[in-house]
PDB file of N, CA and C in Angstrom:
ATOM      1  N   MET A   1      45.777   3.433 -66.955  1.00  0.00           N
ATOM      2  CA  MET A   1      45.194   3.937 -65.791  1.00  0.00           C
ATOM      3  C   MET A   1      45.750   5.256 -65.273  1.00  0.00           C
ATOM      4  N   ASN A   2      45.151   6.579 -65.133  1.00  0.00           N
ATOM      5  CA  ASN A   2      45.952   7.096 -64.747  1.00  0.00           C
ATOM      6  C   ASN A   2      46.284   7.554 -62.631  1.00  0.00           C
ATOM      7  N   ALA A   3      47.710   7.445 -63.237  1.00  0.00           N
ATOM      8  CA  ALA A   3      47.965   6.980 -61.351  1.00  0.00           C
ATOM      9  C   ALA A   3      46.933   7.815 -60.305  1.00  0.00           C
ATOM     10  N   GLN A   4      46.157   8.892 -60.880  1.00  0.00           N
ATOM     11  CA  GLN A   4      45.300   9.939 -59.580  1.00  0.00           C
ATOM     12  C   GLN A   4      44.057   8.450 -59.813  1.00  0.00           C
ATOM     13  N   PHE A   5      44.093   7.685 -60.427  1.00  0.00           N
ATOM     14  CA  PHE A   5      42.763   7.184 -60.118  1.00  0.00           C
ATOM     15  C   PHE A   5      43.204   6.266 -59.227  1.00  0.00           C
ATOM     16  N   ALA A   6      44.732   5.249 -59.674  1.00  0.00           N
ATOM     17  CA  ALA A   6      45.260   4.026 -58.737  1.00  0.00           C
ATOM     18  C   ALA A   6      45.541   4.551 -57.730  1.00  0.00           C
ATOM     19  N   VAL A   7      45.591   5.703 -57.639  1.00  0.00           N
ATOM     20  CA  VAL A   7      46.352   5.905 -55.884  1.00  0.00           C
ATOM     21  C   VAL A   7      44.525   6.433 -55.106  1.00  0.00           C
ATOM     22  N   ASP A   8      43.996   6.345 -55.916  1.00  0.00           N
ATOM     23  CA  ASP A   8      41.914   6.162 -54.764  1.00  0.00           C
ATOM     24  C   ASP A   8      41.594   5.443 -54.704  1.00  0.00           C
ATOM     25  N   SER A   9      41.858   4.142 -55.437  1.00  0.00           N
ATOM     26  CA  SER A   9      41.468   2.708 -55.810  1.00  0.00           C
ATOM     27  C   SER A   9      41.979   1.889 -54.911  1.00  0.00           C
ATOM     28  N   TYR A  10      43.179   2.487 -54.433  1.00  0.00           N
ATOM     29  CA  TYR A  10      43.639   1.922 -53.768  1.00  0.00           C
ATOM     30  C   TYR A  10      43.503   2.606 -52.253  1.00  0.00           C
ATOM     31  N   ALA A  11      43.265   3.818 -52.370  1.00  0.00           N
ATOM     32  CA  ALA A  11      42.323   4.421 -50.671  1.00  0.00           C
ATOM     33  C   ALA A  11      41.062   4.088 -50.549  1.00  0.00           C
ATOM     34  N   GLN A  12      40.354   4.125 -51.451  1.00  0.00           N
ATOM     35  CA  GLN A  12      39.339   3.329 -51.240  1.00  0.00           C
ATOM     36  C   GLN A  12      39.266   2.289 -50.250  1.00  0.00           C
ATOM     37  N   VAL A  13      39.903   0.912 -51.367  1.00  0.00           N
ATOM     38  CA  VAL A  13      40.272  -0.386 -50.584  1.00  0.00           C
ATOM     39  C   VAL A  13      40.393  -0.497 -49.002  1.00  0.00           C
ATOM     40  N   HIS A  14      41.277   0.405 -48.975  1.00  0.00           N
ATOM     41  CA  HIS A  14      42.440   0.593 -47.119  1.00  0.00           C
ATOM     42  C   HIS A  14      41.129   0.735 -46.680  1.00  0.00           C
ATOM     43  N   ARG A  15      40.540   1.930 -46.729  1.00  0.00           N
ATOM     44  CA  ARG A  15      39.339   2.245 -45.889  1.00  0.00           C
ATOM     45  C   ARG A  15      38.080   1.108 -45.566  1.00  0.00           C
ATOM     46  N   ASN A  16      37.797   0.947 -47.052  1.00  0.00           N
ATOM     47  CA  ASN A  16      36.825  -0.401 -46.995  1.00  0.00           C
ATOM     48  C   ASN A  16      37.222  -1.317 -45.783  1.00  0.00           C
ATOM     49  N   ALA A  17      38.792  -1.587 -45.624  1.00  0.00           N
ATOM     50  CA  ALA A  17      39.011  -3.044 -44.929  1.00  0.00           C
ATOM     51  C   ALA A  17      38.875  -2.432 -43.232  1.00  0.00           C
ATOM     52  N   ASN A  18      39.358  -1.567 -43.602  1.00  0.00           N
ATOM     53  CA  ASN A  18      39.801  -0.880 -41.941  1.00  0.00           C
ATOM     54  C   ASN A  18      38.133  -0.426 -41.386  1.00  0.00           C
ATOM     55  N   VAL A  19      36.815   0.153 -42.239  1.00  0.00           N
ATOM     56  CA  VAL A  19      35.650  -0.113 -41.587  1.00  0.00           C
ATOM     57  C   VAL A  19      34.727  -1.569 -41.158  1.00  0.00           C
ATOM     58  N   GLU A  20      35.699  -2.390 -41.899  1.00  0.00           N
ATOM     59  CA  GLU A  20      35.562  -3.808 -41.626  1.00  0.00           C
ATOM     60  C   GLU A  20      35.512  -4.460 -40.736  1.00  0.00           C
ATOM     61  N   VAL A  21      36.670  -3.831 -39.865  1.00  0.00           N
ATOM     62  CA  VAL A  21      37.068  -4.852 -38.870  1.00  0.00           C
ATOM     63  C   VAL A  21      37.245  -3.665 -37.580  1.00  0.00           C
ATOM     64  N   ALA A  22      36.706  -2.394 -37.677  1.00  0.00           N
ATOM     65  CA  ALA A  22      36.750  -0.958 -36.703  1.00  0.00           C
ATOM     66  C   ALA A  22      35.587  -1.581 -35.868  1.00  0.00           C
ATOM     67  N   SER A  23      36.502  -1.087 -34.826  1.00  0.00           N
ATOM     68  CA  SER A  23      35.499  -0.977 -33.453  1.00  0.00           C
ATOM     69  C   SER A  23      34.076  -0.196 -33.673  1.00  0.00           C
ATOM     70  N   PRO A  24      33.308   0.415 -32.665  1.00  0.00           N
ATOM     71  CA  PRO A  24      32.209   1.633 -32.839  1.00  0.00           C
ATOM     72  C   PRO A  24      32.677   2.888 -32.824  1.00  0.00           C
ATOM     73  N   HIS A  25      34.275   2.690 -31.509  1.00  0.00           N
ATOM     74  CA  HIS A  25      34.553   4.333 -31.055  1.00  0.00           C
ATOM     75  C   HIS A  25      35.316   4.279 -31.908  1.00  0.00           C
ATOM     76  N   LYS A  26      36.405   3.182 -32.983  1.00  0.00           N
ATOM     77  CA  LYS A  26      36.877   3.353 -34.108  1.00  0.00           C
ATOM     78  C   LYS A  26      36.629   3.876 -35.485  1.00  0.00           C
ATOM     79  N   LEU A  27      34.751   3.539 -35.341  1.00  0.00           N
ATOM     80  CA  LEU A  27      34.779   4.159 -36.695  1.00  0.00           C
ATOM     81  C   LEU A  27      34.162   5.650 -36.424  1.00  0.00           C
ATOM     82  N   ILE A  28      33.726   6.168 -34.468  1.00  0.00           N
ATOM     83  CA  ILE A  28      34.018   7.704 -35.215  1.00  0.00           C
ATOM     84  C   ILE A  28      35.085   8.740 -35.289  1.00  0.00           C
ATOM     85  N   ASP A  29      36.147   7.455 -34.851  1.00  0.00           N
ATOM     86  CA  ASP A  29      37.453   8.595 -34.968  1.00  0.00           C
ATOM     87  C   ASP A  29      37.304   8.840 -36.132  1.00  0.00           C
ATOM     88  N   MET A  30      37.079   7.712 -37.090  1.00  0.00           N
ATOM     89  CA  MET A  30      37.421   7.610 -38.704  1.00  0.00           C
ATOM     90  C   MET A  30      36.337   8.612 -39.439  1.00  0.00           C
ATOM     91  N   LEU A  31      35.259   8.529 -38.699  1.00  0.00           N
ATOM     92  CA  LEU A  31      34.469   9.939 -39.281  1.00  0.00           C
ATOM     93  C   LEU A  31      35.246  11.362 -38.984  1.00  0.00           C
ATOM     94  N   TYR A  32      35.611  11.605 -38.196  1.00  0.00           N
ATOM     95  CA  TYR A  32      36.363  12.593 -37.415  1.00  0.00           C
ATOM     96  C   TYR A  32      37.031  12.996 -38.451  1.00  0.00           C
ATOM     97  N   GLU A  33      38.109  12.094 -38.244  1.00  0.00           N
ATOM     98  CA  GLU A  33      39.569  12.065 -39.566  1.00  0.00           C
ATOM     99  C   GLU A  33      39.400  12.842 -41.085  1.00  0.00           C
ATOM    100  N   GLY A  34      37.672  11.517 -41.456  1.00  0.00           N
ATOM    101  CA  GLY A  34      37.804  11.782 -42.883  1.00  0.00           C
ATOM    102  C   GLY A  34      37.190  13.376 -43.527  1.00  0.00           C
ATOM    103  N   ALA A  35      35.785  13.716 -41.632  1.00  0.00           N
ATOM    104  CA  ALA A  35      35.740  15.435 -41.998  1.00  0.00           C
ATOM    105  C   ALA A  35      36.692  16.358 -42.454  1.00  0.00           C
ATOM    106  N   LEU A  36      37.659  15.634 -41.201  1.00  0.00           N
ATOM    107  CA  LEU A  36      38.474  16.858 -41.597  1.00  0.00           C
ATOM    108  C   LEU A  36      39.562  16.811 -42.506  1.00  0.00           C
ATOM    109  N   GLU A  37      39.794  15.710 -43.129  1.00  0.00           N
ATOM    110  CA  GLU A  37      40.469  16.058 -44.720  1.00  0.00           C
ATOM    111  C   GLU A  37      39.905  16.147 -45.773  1.00  0.00           C
ATOM    112  N   ARG A  38      39.050  16.216 -45.865  1.00  0.00           N
ATOM    113  CA  ARG A  38      37.558  17.037 -46.599  1.00  0.00           C
ATOM    114  C   ARG A  38      37.737  18.626 -46.135  1.00  0.00           C
ATOM    115  N   ILE A  39      38.061  19.288 -45.410  1.00  0.00           N
ATOM    116  CA  ILE A  39      38.014  20.002 -45.011  1.00  0.00           C
ATOM    117  C   ILE A  39      38.984  20.984 -45.553  1.00  0.00           C
ATOM    118  N   ALA A  40      40.451  20.184 -45.504  1.00  0.00           N
ATOM    119  CA  ALA A  40      41.713  20.242 -45.838  1.00  0.00           C
ATOM    120  C   ALA A  40      41.902  20.325 -47.852  1.00  0.00           C
ATOM    121  N   GLN A  41      41.252  19.680 -47.853  1.00  0.00           N
ATOM    122  CA  GLN A  41      41.194  19.714 -49.204  1.00  0.00           C
ATOM    123  C   GLN A  41      39.824  20.320 -49.908  1.00  0.00           C
ATOM    124  N   ALA A  42      39.242  20.542 -49.343  1.00  0.00           N
ATOM    125  CA  ALA A  42      38.053  21.978 -49.961  1.00  0.00           C
ATOM    126  C   ALA A  42      38.595  23.397 -49.835  1.00  0.00           C
ATOM    127  N   LYS A  43      39.891  23.356 -48.775  1.00  0.00           N
ATOM    128  CA  LYS A  43      40.125  24.458 -48.293  1.00  0.00           C
ATOM    129  C   LYS A  43      41.836  25.044 -49.486  1.00  0.00           C
ATOM    130  N   GLY A  44      42.070  23.815 -49.768  1.00  0.00           N
ATOM    131  CA  GLY A  44      43.103  23.322 -51.174  1.00  0.00           C
ATOM    132  C   GLY A  44      42.245  23.857 -52.242  1.00  0.00           C
ATOM    133  N   ALA A  45      41.443  23.550 -52.384  1.00  0.00           N
ATOM    134  CA  ALA A  45      40.490  23.828 -54.294  1.00  0.00           C
ATOM    135  C   ALA A  45      40.234  25.554 -54.049  1.00  0.00           C
ATOM    136  N   ILE A  46      39.981  26.129 -52.776  1.00  0.00           N
ATOM    137  CA  ILE A  46      39.494  27.554 -52.172  1.00  0.00           C
ATOM    138  C   ILE A  46      40.606  28.007 -52.947  1.00  0.00           C
ATOM    139  N   GLN A  47      42.211  27.623 -52.613  1.00  0.00           N
ATOM    140  CA  GLN A  47      43.123  28.819 -52.794  1.00  0.00           C
ATOM    141  C   GLN A  47      43.458  28.537 -54.739  1.00  0.00           C
ATOM    142  N   TYR A  48      42.985  26.841 -54.554  1.00  0.00           N
ATOM    143  CA  TYR A  48      43.620  27.234 -56.747  1.00  0.00           C
ATOM    144  C   TYR A  48      42.266  27.016 -57.197  1.00  0.00           C
ATOM    145  N   GLN A  49      41.165  28.081 -56.457  1.00  0.00           N
ATOM    146  CA  GLN A  49      40.188  28.383 -57.118  1.00  0.00           C
ATOM    147  C   GLN A  49      39.341  26.743 -58.455  1.00  0.00           C
ATOM    148  N   ASN A  50      39.388  26.287 -57.628  1.00  0.00           N
ATOM    149  CA  ASN A  50      38.132  24.835 -58.330  1.00  0.00           C
ATOM    150  C   ASN A  50      36.985  24.654 -57.073  1.00  0.00           C
ATOM    151  N   ILE A  51      36.463  24.917 -57.820  1.00  0.00           N
ATOM    152  CA  ILE A  51      35.177  25.083 -57.233  1.00  0.00           C
ATOM    153  C   ILE A  51      33.970  23.958 -57.365  1.00  0.00           C
ATOM    154  N   GLU A  52      34.475  23.385 -58.627  1.00  0.00           N
ATOM    155  CA  GLU A  52      33.601  22.013 -58.251  1.00  0.00           C
ATOM    156  C   GLU A  52      34.265  21.396 -57.192  1.00  0.00           C
ATOM    157  N   LEU A  53      35.455  21.018 -56.864  1.00  0.00           N
ATOM    158  CA  LEU A  53      36.189  20.099 -56.170  1.00  0.00           C
ATOM    159  C   LEU A  53      35.767  20.652 -54.499  1.00  0.00           C
ATOM    160  N   ARG A  54      35.889  21.643 -54.424  1.00  0.00           N
ATOM    161  CA  ARG A  54      35.392  22.923 -53.672  1.00  0.00           C
ATOM    162  C   ARG A  54      34.013  22.188 -53.365  1.00  0.00           C
ATOM    163  N   GLY A  55      32.991  22.595 -53.921  1.00  0.00           N
ATOM    164  CA  GLY A  55      31.675  21.985 -53.549  1.00  0.00           C
ATOM    165  C   GLY A  55      31.775  20.497 -53.483  1.00  0.00           C
ATOM    166  N   LYS A  56      32.442  19.433 -53.951  1.00  0.00           N
ATOM    167  CA  LYS A  56      32.050  18.319 -53.924  1.00  0.00           C
ATOM    168  C   LYS A  56      32.977  18.046 -52.108  1.00  0.00           C
ATOM    169  N   LYS A  57      33.920  18.190 -52.062  1.00  0.00           N
ATOM    170  CA  LYS A  57      34.654  18.345 -50.126  1.00  0.00           C
ATOM    171  C   LYS A  57      34.096  18.911 -49.234  1.00  0.00           C
ATOM    172  N   ILE A  58      33.558  20.011 -49.229  1.00  0.00           N
ATOM    173  CA  ILE A  58      32.536  20.270 -48.197  1.00  0.00           C
ATOM    174  C   ILE A  58      31.128  19.982 -48.320  1.00  0.00           C
ATOM    175  N   ASN A  59      30.738  19.443 -49.507  1.00  0.00           N
ATOM    176  CA  ASN A  59      29.479  18.642 -49.093  1.00  0.00           C
ATOM    177  C   ASN A  59      29.624  17.661 -48.448  1.00  0.00           C
ATOM    178  N   SER A  60      31.141  16.439 -49.527  1.00  0.00           N
ATOM    179  CA  SER A  60      31.114  15.376 -48.214  1.00  0.00           C
ATOM    180  C   SER A  60      31.681  15.695 -46.152  1.00  0.00           C
ATOM    181  N   ALA A  61      31.927  16.689 -46.261  1.00  0.00           N
ATOM    182  CA  ALA A  61      31.855  17.228 -45.456  1.00  0.00           C
ATOM    183  C   ALA A  61      31.395  17.402 -44.493  1.00  0.00           C
ATOM    184  N   ILE A  62      30.198  17.672 -45.187  1.00  0.00           N
ATOM    185  CA  ILE A  62      28.632  18.299 -44.010  1.00  0.00           C
ATOM    186  C   ILE A  62      27.851  16.815 -43.726  1.00  0.00           C
ATOM    187  N   ALA A  63      28.072  15.836 -45.028  1.00  0.00           N
ATOM    188  CA  ALA A  63      27.440  14.519 -45.073  1.00  0.00           C
ATOM    189  C   ALA A  63      27.667  14.180 -43.700  1.00  0.00           C
ATOM    190  N   ILE A  64      29.295  13.518 -43.318  1.00  0.00           N
ATOM    191  CA  ILE A  64      29.979  12.884 -42.349  1.00  0.00           C
ATOM    192  C   ILE A  64      29.658  13.787 -41.104  1.00  0.00           C
ATOM    193  N   VAL A  65      29.646  14.880 -41.350  1.00  0.00           N
ATOM    194  CA  VAL A  65      29.362  15.998 -39.751  1.00  0.00           C
ATOM    195  C   VAL A  65      27.985  15.094 -39.435  1.00  0.00           C
ATOM    196  N   GLY A  66      26.932  15.005 -41.180  1.00  0.00           N
ATOM    197  CA  GLY A  66      24.981  15.085 -40.404  1.00  0.00           C
ATOM    198  C   GLY A  66      25.004  13.416 -40.231  1.00  0.00           C
ATOM    199  N   GLY A  67      26.338  11.987 -40.289  1.00  0.00           N
ATOM    200  CA  GLY A  67      26.545  10.736 -40.499  1.00  0.00           C
ATOM    201  C   GLY A  67      26.806  11.171 -38.494  1.00  0.00           C
ATOM    202  N   LEU A  68      27.707  12.247 -37.977  1.00  0.00           N
ATOM    203  CA  LEU A  68      28.025  11.737 -36.754  1.00  0.00           C
ATOM    204  C   LEU A  68      27.200  11.977 -35.956  1.00  0.00           C
ATOM    205  N   ARG A  69      25.992  13.864 -36.512  1.00  0.00           N
ATOM    206  CA  ARG A  69      24.586  13.835 -35.931  1.00  0.00           C
ATOM    207  C   ARG A  69      23.901  12.783 -35.966  1.00  0.00           C
ATOM    208  N   SER A  70      23.369  11.531 -36.749  1.00  0.00           N
ATOM    209  CA  SER A  70      22.245  10.931 -36.595  1.00  0.00           C
ATOM    210  C   SER A  70      22.970   9.924 -35.798  1.00  0.00           C
ATOM    211  N   ASN A  71      23.475   9.934 -35.315  1.00  0.00           N
ATOM    212  CA  ASN A  71      24.055   8.401 -34.253  1.00  0.00           C
ATOM    213  C   ASN A  71      24.286   8.781 -33.161  1.00  0.00           C
ATOM    214  N   LEU A  72      23.878  10.304 -33.176  1.00  0.00           N
ATOM    215  CA  LEU A  72      23.639  10.547 -31.789  1.00  0.00           C
ATOM    216  C   LEU A  72      22.390   9.547 -30.463  1.00  0.00           C
ATOM    217  N   ASN A  73      23.230   9.231 -29.479  1.00  0.00           N
ATOM    218  CA  ASN A  73      22.080   8.988 -28.878  1.00  0.00           C
ATOM    219  C   ASN A  73      21.058   9.773 -27.945  1.00  0.00           C
ATOM    220  N   HIS A  74      19.934  10.175 -28.362  1.00  0.00           N
ATOM    221  CA  HIS A  74      19.881  11.252 -27.447  1.00  0.00           C
ATOM    222  C   HIS A  74      18.496  10.212 -26.931  1.00  0.00           C
ATOM    223  N   ASP A  75      18.265   9.514 -26.660  1.00  0.00           N
ATOM    224  CA  ASP A  75      17.838   8.805 -24.769  1.00  0.00           C
ATOM    225  C   ASP A  75      18.971   9.004 -23.824  1.00  0.00           C
ATOM    226  N   GLU A  76      19.394   8.206 -24.492  1.00  0.00           N
ATOM    227  CA  GLU A  76      20.920   8.269 -23.086  1.00  0.00           C
ATOM    228  C   GLU A  76      21.826   9.107 -23.293  1.00  0.00           C
ATOM    229  N   GLY A  77      21.932  10.039 -24.383  1.00  0.00           N
ATOM    230  CA  GLY A  77      23.117  10.938 -23.839  1.00  0.00           C
ATOM    231  C   GLY A  77      22.452  12.443 -23.107  1.00  0.00           C
ATOM    232  N   GLY A  78      21.328  12.511 -22.638  1.00  0.00           N
ATOM    233  CA  GLY A  78      20.824  13.463 -22.133  1.00  0.00           C
ATOM    234  C   GLY A  78      22.098  14.993 -22.551  1.00  0.00           C
ATOM    235  N   ASP A  79      22.384  15.634 -21.822  1.00  0.00           N
ATOM    236  CA  ASP A  79      22.732  17.098 -22.192  1.00  0.00           C
ATOM    237  C   ASP A  79      23.450  17.406 -23.025  1.00  0.00           C
ATOM    238  N   ILE A  80      24.681  16.012 -22.845  1.00  0.00           N
ATOM    239  CA  ILE A  80      25.821  15.943 -24.081  1.00  0.00           C
ATOM    240  C   ILE A  80      25.345  15.813 -25.732  1.00  0.00           C
ATOM    241  N   SER A  81      24.488  14.250 -25.147  1.00  0.00           N
ATOM    242  CA  SER A  81      23.592  14.159 -26.627  1.00  0.00           C
ATOM    243  C   SER A  81      22.767  15.953 -27.203  1.00  0.00           C
ATOM    244  N   ALA A  82      22.909  16.389 -26.961  1.00  0.00           N
ATOM    245  CA  ALA A  82      22.000  17.476 -26.778  1.00  0.00           C
ATOM    246  C   ALA A  82      22.919  18.554 -27.179  1.00  0.00           C
ATOM    247  N   ASN A  83      23.362  18.677 -27.444  1.00  0.00           N
ATOM    248  CA  ASN A  83      25.121  20.221 -26.701  1.00  0.00           C
ATOM    249  C   ASN A  83      25.207  19.154 -28.424  1.00  0.00           C
ATOM    250  N   LEU A  84      25.923  17.982 -28.831  1.00  0.00           N
ATOM    251  CA  LEU A  84      26.936  17.917 -29.466  1.00  0.00           C
ATOM    252  C   LEU A  84      26.145  18.139 -30.562  1.00  0.00           C
ATOM    253  N   GLU A  85      24.706  17.737 -30.468  1.00  0.00           N
ATOM    254  CA  GLU A  85      23.848  18.310 -31.403  1.00  0.00           C
ATOM    255  C   GLU A  85      23.699  19.587 -32.341  1.00  0.00           C
ATOM    256  N   ALA A  86      23.959  20.534 -31.753  1.00  0.00           N
ATOM    257  CA  ALA A  86      23.547  21.933 -31.735  1.00  0.00           C
ATOM    258  C   ALA A  86      24.907  22.388 -31.969  1.00  0.00           C
ATOM    259  N   LEU A  87      26.013  21.564 -31.905  1.00  0.00           N
ATOM    260  CA  LEU A  87      27.004  21.834 -32.164  1.00  0.00           C
ATOM    261  C   LEU A  87      27.810  21.262 -33.033  1.00  0.00           C
ATOM    262  N   TYR A  88      27.084  20.415 -33.619  1.00  0.00           N
ATOM    263  CA  TYR A  88      27.059  19.483 -35.250  1.00  0.00           C
ATOM    264  C   TYR A  88      26.718  21.415 -36.275  1.00  0.00           C
ATOM    265  N   VAL A  89      24.999  21.230 -35.827  1.00  0.00           N
ATOM    266  CA  VAL A  89      24.026  21.909 -36.753  1.00  0.00           C
ATOM    267  C   VAL A  89      25.672  23.045 -36.932  1.00  0.00           C
ATOM    268  N   TYR A  90      25.412  23.928 -35.831  1.00  0.00           N
ATOM    269  CA  TYR A  90      26.828  25.495 -36.245  1.00  0.00           C
ATOM    270  C   TYR A  90      27.686  24.486 -37.222  1.00  0.00           C
ATOM    271  N   ILE A  91      28.621  23.293 -37.045  1.00  0.00           N
ATOM    272  CA  ILE A  91      29.513  22.602 -37.848  1.00  0.00           C
ATOM    273  C   ILE A  91      29.192  23.572 -39.106  1.00  0.00           C
ATOM    274  N   GLN A  92      27.520  22.590 -39.725  1.00  0.00           N
ATOM    275  CA  GLN A  92      27.370  21.864 -40.913  1.00  0.00           C
ATOM    276  C   GLN A  92      26.843  24.069 -41.625  1.00  0.00           C
ATOM    277  N   SER A  93      26.943  24.171 -40.306  1.00  0.00           N
ATOM    278  CA  SER A  93      25.983  25.793 -41.127  1.00  0.00           C
ATOM    279  C   SER A  93      27.192  26.628 -41.428  1.00  0.00           C
ATOM    280  N   ILE A  94      28.925  26.476 -40.626  1.00  0.00           N
ATOM    281  CA  ILE A  94      30.006  27.075 -40.931  1.00  0.00           C
ATOM    282  C   ILE A  94      30.164  26.662 -42.355  1.00  0.00           C
ATOM    283  N   LEU A  95      30.952  24.991 -42.142  1.00  0.00           N
ATOM    284  CA  LEU A  95      30.634  24.737 -44.016  1.00  0.00           C
ATOM    285  C   LEU A  95      30.380  25.266 -44.960  1.00  0.00           C
ATOM    286  N   VAL A  96      28.646  25.420 -44.816  1.00  0.00           N
ATOM    287  CA  VAL A  96      27.205  25.901 -46.346  1.00  0.00           C
ATOM    288  C   VAL A  96      28.450  27.396 -45.959  1.00  0.00           C
ATOM    289  N   LYS A  97      28.817  28.342 -45.280  1.00  0.00           N
ATOM    290  CA  LYS A  97      28.797  29.194 -45.182  1.00  0.00           C
ATOM    291  C   LYS A  97      30.183  29.536 -46.108  1.00  0.00           C
ATOM    292  N   ALA A  98      31.262  28.534 -45.827  1.00  0.00           N
ATOM    293  CA  ALA A  98      32.134  28.437 -46.195  1.00  0.00           C
ATOM    294  C   ALA A  98      32.442  28.445 -47.503  1.00  0.00           C
ATOM    295  N   HIS A  99      31.509  27.237 -47.847  1.00  0.00           N
ATOM    296  CA  HIS A  99      31.519  27.280 -49.568  1.00  0.00           C
ATOM    297  C   HIS A  99      30.847  28.827 -49.837  1.00  0.00           C
ATOM    298  N   ARG A 100      29.334  28.791 -49.786  1.00  0.00           N
ATOM    299  CA  ARG A 100      29.013  30.089 -50.591  1.00  0.00           C
ATOM    300  C   ARG A 100      29.771  31.352 -50.337  1.00  0.00           C
ATOM    301  N   GLU A 101      30.688  31.656 -49.658  1.00  0.00           N
ATOM    302  CA  GLU A 101      31.848  32.393 -49.495  1.00  0.00           C
ATOM    303  C   GLU A 101      33.222  32.324 -50.075  1.00  0.00           C
ATOM    304  N   ALA A 102      33.314  30.499 -50.170  1.00  0.00           N
ATOM    305  CA  ALA A 102      34.220  30.407 -50.748  1.00  0.00           C
ATOM    306  C   ALA A 102      35.799  30.701 -49.439  1.00  0.00           C
ATOM    307  N   ASN A 103      35.325  31.148 -48.308  1.00  0.00           N
ATOM    308  CA  ASN A 103      36.448  31.282 -47.307  1.00  0.00           C
ATOM    309  C   ASN A 103      36.637  30.599 -45.950  1.00  0.00           C
ATOM    310  N   THR A 104      38.006  30.764 -46.433  1.00  0.00           N
ATOM    311  CA  THR A 104      39.331  29.591 -45.562  1.00  0.00           C
ATOM    312  C   THR A 104      38.822  29.615 -43.886  1.00  0.00           C
ATOM    313  N   GLU A 105      38.554  30.798 -43.893  1.00  0.00           N
ATOM    314  CA  GLU A 105      39.322  31.022 -42.332  1.00  0.00           C
ATOM    315  C   GLU A 105      37.298  30.390 -42.078  1.00  0.00           C
ATOM    316  N   LEU A 106      36.789  30.026 -42.450  1.00  0.00           N
ATOM    317  CA  LEU A 106      35.450  29.252 -41.815  1.00  0.00           C
ATOM    318  C   LEU A 106      36.194  27.631 -41.593  1.00  0.00           C
ATOM    319  N   LEU A 107      36.355  27.655 -42.526  1.00  0.00           N
ATOM    320  CA  LEU A 107      36.519  26.216 -42.627  1.00  0.00           C
ATOM    321  C   LEU A 107      38.039  25.841 -41.753  1.00  0.00           C
ATOM    322  N   ASP A 108      38.279  26.895 -41.621  1.00  0.00           N
ATOM    323  CA  ASP A 108      39.446  26.849 -40.232  1.00  0.00           C
ATOM    324  C   ASP A 108      38.697  26.319 -39.117  1.00  0.00           C
ATOM    325  N   GLU A 109      37.955  27.363 -38.849  1.00  0.00           N
ATOM    326  CA  GLU A 109      36.692  26.947 -37.422  1.00  0.00           C
ATOM    327  C   GLU A 109      35.998  26.181 -37.438  1.00  0.00           C
ATOM    328  N   ALA A 110      36.260  24.640 -38.550  1.00  0.00           N
ATOM    329  CA  ALA A 110      34.873  24.019 -38.204  1.00  0.00           C
ATOM    330  C   ALA A 110      36.417  22.943 -37.945  1.00  0.00           C
ATOM    331  N   ALA A 111      37.022  23.071 -38.640  1.00  0.00           N
ATOM    332  CA  ALA A 111      38.663  22.265 -38.234  1.00  0.00           C
ATOM    333  C   ALA A 111      38.995  22.085 -37.172  1.00  0.00           C
ATOM    334  N   SER A 112      38.739  23.047 -36.393  1.00  0.00           N
ATOM    335  CA  SER A 112      39.100  23.551 -35.420  1.00  0.00           C
ATOM    336  C   SER A 112      38.694  22.822 -34.135  1.00  0.00           C
ATOM    337  N   LEU A 113      36.898  22.998 -34.626  1.00  0.00           N
ATOM    338  CA  LEU A 113      36.018  22.564 -33.788  1.00  0.00           C
ATOM    339  C   LEU A 113      36.192  20.813 -33.768  1.00  0.00           C
ATOM    340  N   LEU A 114      36.375  20.193 -34.929  1.00  0.00           N
ATOM    341  CA  LEU A 114      36.102  18.898 -35.113  1.00  0.00           C
ATOM    342  C   LEU A 114      37.642  18.282 -34.626  1.00  0.00           C
ATOM    343  N   ALA A 115      38.589  19.034 -34.887  1.00  0.00           N
ATOM    344  CA  ALA A 115      39.701  18.482 -34.107  1.00  0.00           C
ATOM    345  C   ALA A 115      39.677  18.844 -32.807  1.00  0.00           C
ATOM    346  N   ASN A 116      39.172  19.193 -31.899  1.00  0.00           N
ATOM    347  CA  ASN A 116      39.114  19.714 -30.703  1.00  0.00           C
ATOM    348  C   ASN A 116      38.154  18.390 -30.230  1.00  0.00           C
ATOM    349  N   MET A 117      37.284  18.499 -31.000  1.00  0.00           N
ATOM    350  CA  MET A 117      35.906  17.221 -30.719  1.00  0.00           C
ATOM    351  C   MET A 117      36.745  15.950 -30.886  1.00  0.00           C
ATOM    352  N   ARG A 118      37.471  15.632 -31.989  1.00  0.00           N
ATOM    353  CA  ARG A 118      38.173  14.232 -32.262  1.00  0.00           C
ATOM    354  C   ARG A 118      39.057  13.641 -30.992  1.00  0.00           C
ATOM    355  N   ASP A 119      39.951  15.103 -30.659  1.00  0.00           N
ATOM    356  CA  ASP A 119      41.301  14.786 -29.012  1.00  0.00           C
ATOM    357  C   ASP A 119      39.835  14.383 -28.321  1.00  0.00           C
ATOM    358  N   ALA A 120      39.286  14.841 -28.281  1.00  0.00           N
ATOM    359  CA  ALA A 120      38.232  14.138 -26.970  1.00  0.00           C
ATOM    360  C   ALA A 120      37.899  13.207 -26.888  1.00  0.00           C
ATOM    361  N   TRP A 121      37.672  12.725 -28.042  1.00  0.00           N
ATOM    362  CA  TRP A 121      36.714  11.627 -28.311  1.00  0.00           C
ATOM    363  C   TRP A 121      37.917  10.434 -28.361  1.00  0.00           C
ATOM    364  N   GLN A 122      39.025  10.609 -28.472  1.00  0.00           N
ATOM    365  CA  GLN A 122      40.400   9.361 -28.708  1.00  0.00           C
ATOM    366  C   GLN A 122      40.611   9.823 -26.984  1.00  0.00           C
ATOM    367  N   GLN A 123      40.326  10.734 -26.352  1.00  0.00           N
ATOM    368  CA  GLN A 123      41.392  10.520 -25.339  1.00  0.00           C
ATOM    369  C   GLN A 123      39.947   9.372 -24.328  1.00  0.00           C
ATOM    370  N   ILE A 124      39.154   9.499 -24.813  1.00  0.00           N
ATOM    371  CA  ILE A 124      38.097   8.316 -24.281  1.00  0.00           C
ATOM    372  C   ILE A 124      38.163   7.434 -23.834  1.00  0.00           C
ATOM    373  N   GLY A 125      38.911   6.604 -25.538  1.00  0.00           N
ATOM    374  CA  GLY A 125      38.699   5.811 -26.207  1.00  0.00           C
ATOM    375  C   GLY A 125      40.110   4.625 -25.308  1.00  0.00           C
TER     376      GLY A 125
END
């Protein structure tokens, strides 16, 4: 068994265990963290010119943002929900463009927006 596979397997088990006991608030925090982690990994993949890894990590970040988007409560969220929806759509479009152009500056922009949102989310926790 190679070492990276073992580390990845442990990390997956650790994440799954955390998800099972996390509060709904913590789950959203974990999604923000996951998206930020994937963006950082995609940035590294761009720097090392690993196109396959870049695509995998950016697609994963897009999916996570999509998960955040799909869990918005538009019935009770009003303008906040609508604004978050628009921001998530914008972040997803930045990520798509970053992948297409292999652009780390766009990844930085997406990460900055998500980090600000995560920080605000943690403040209300």
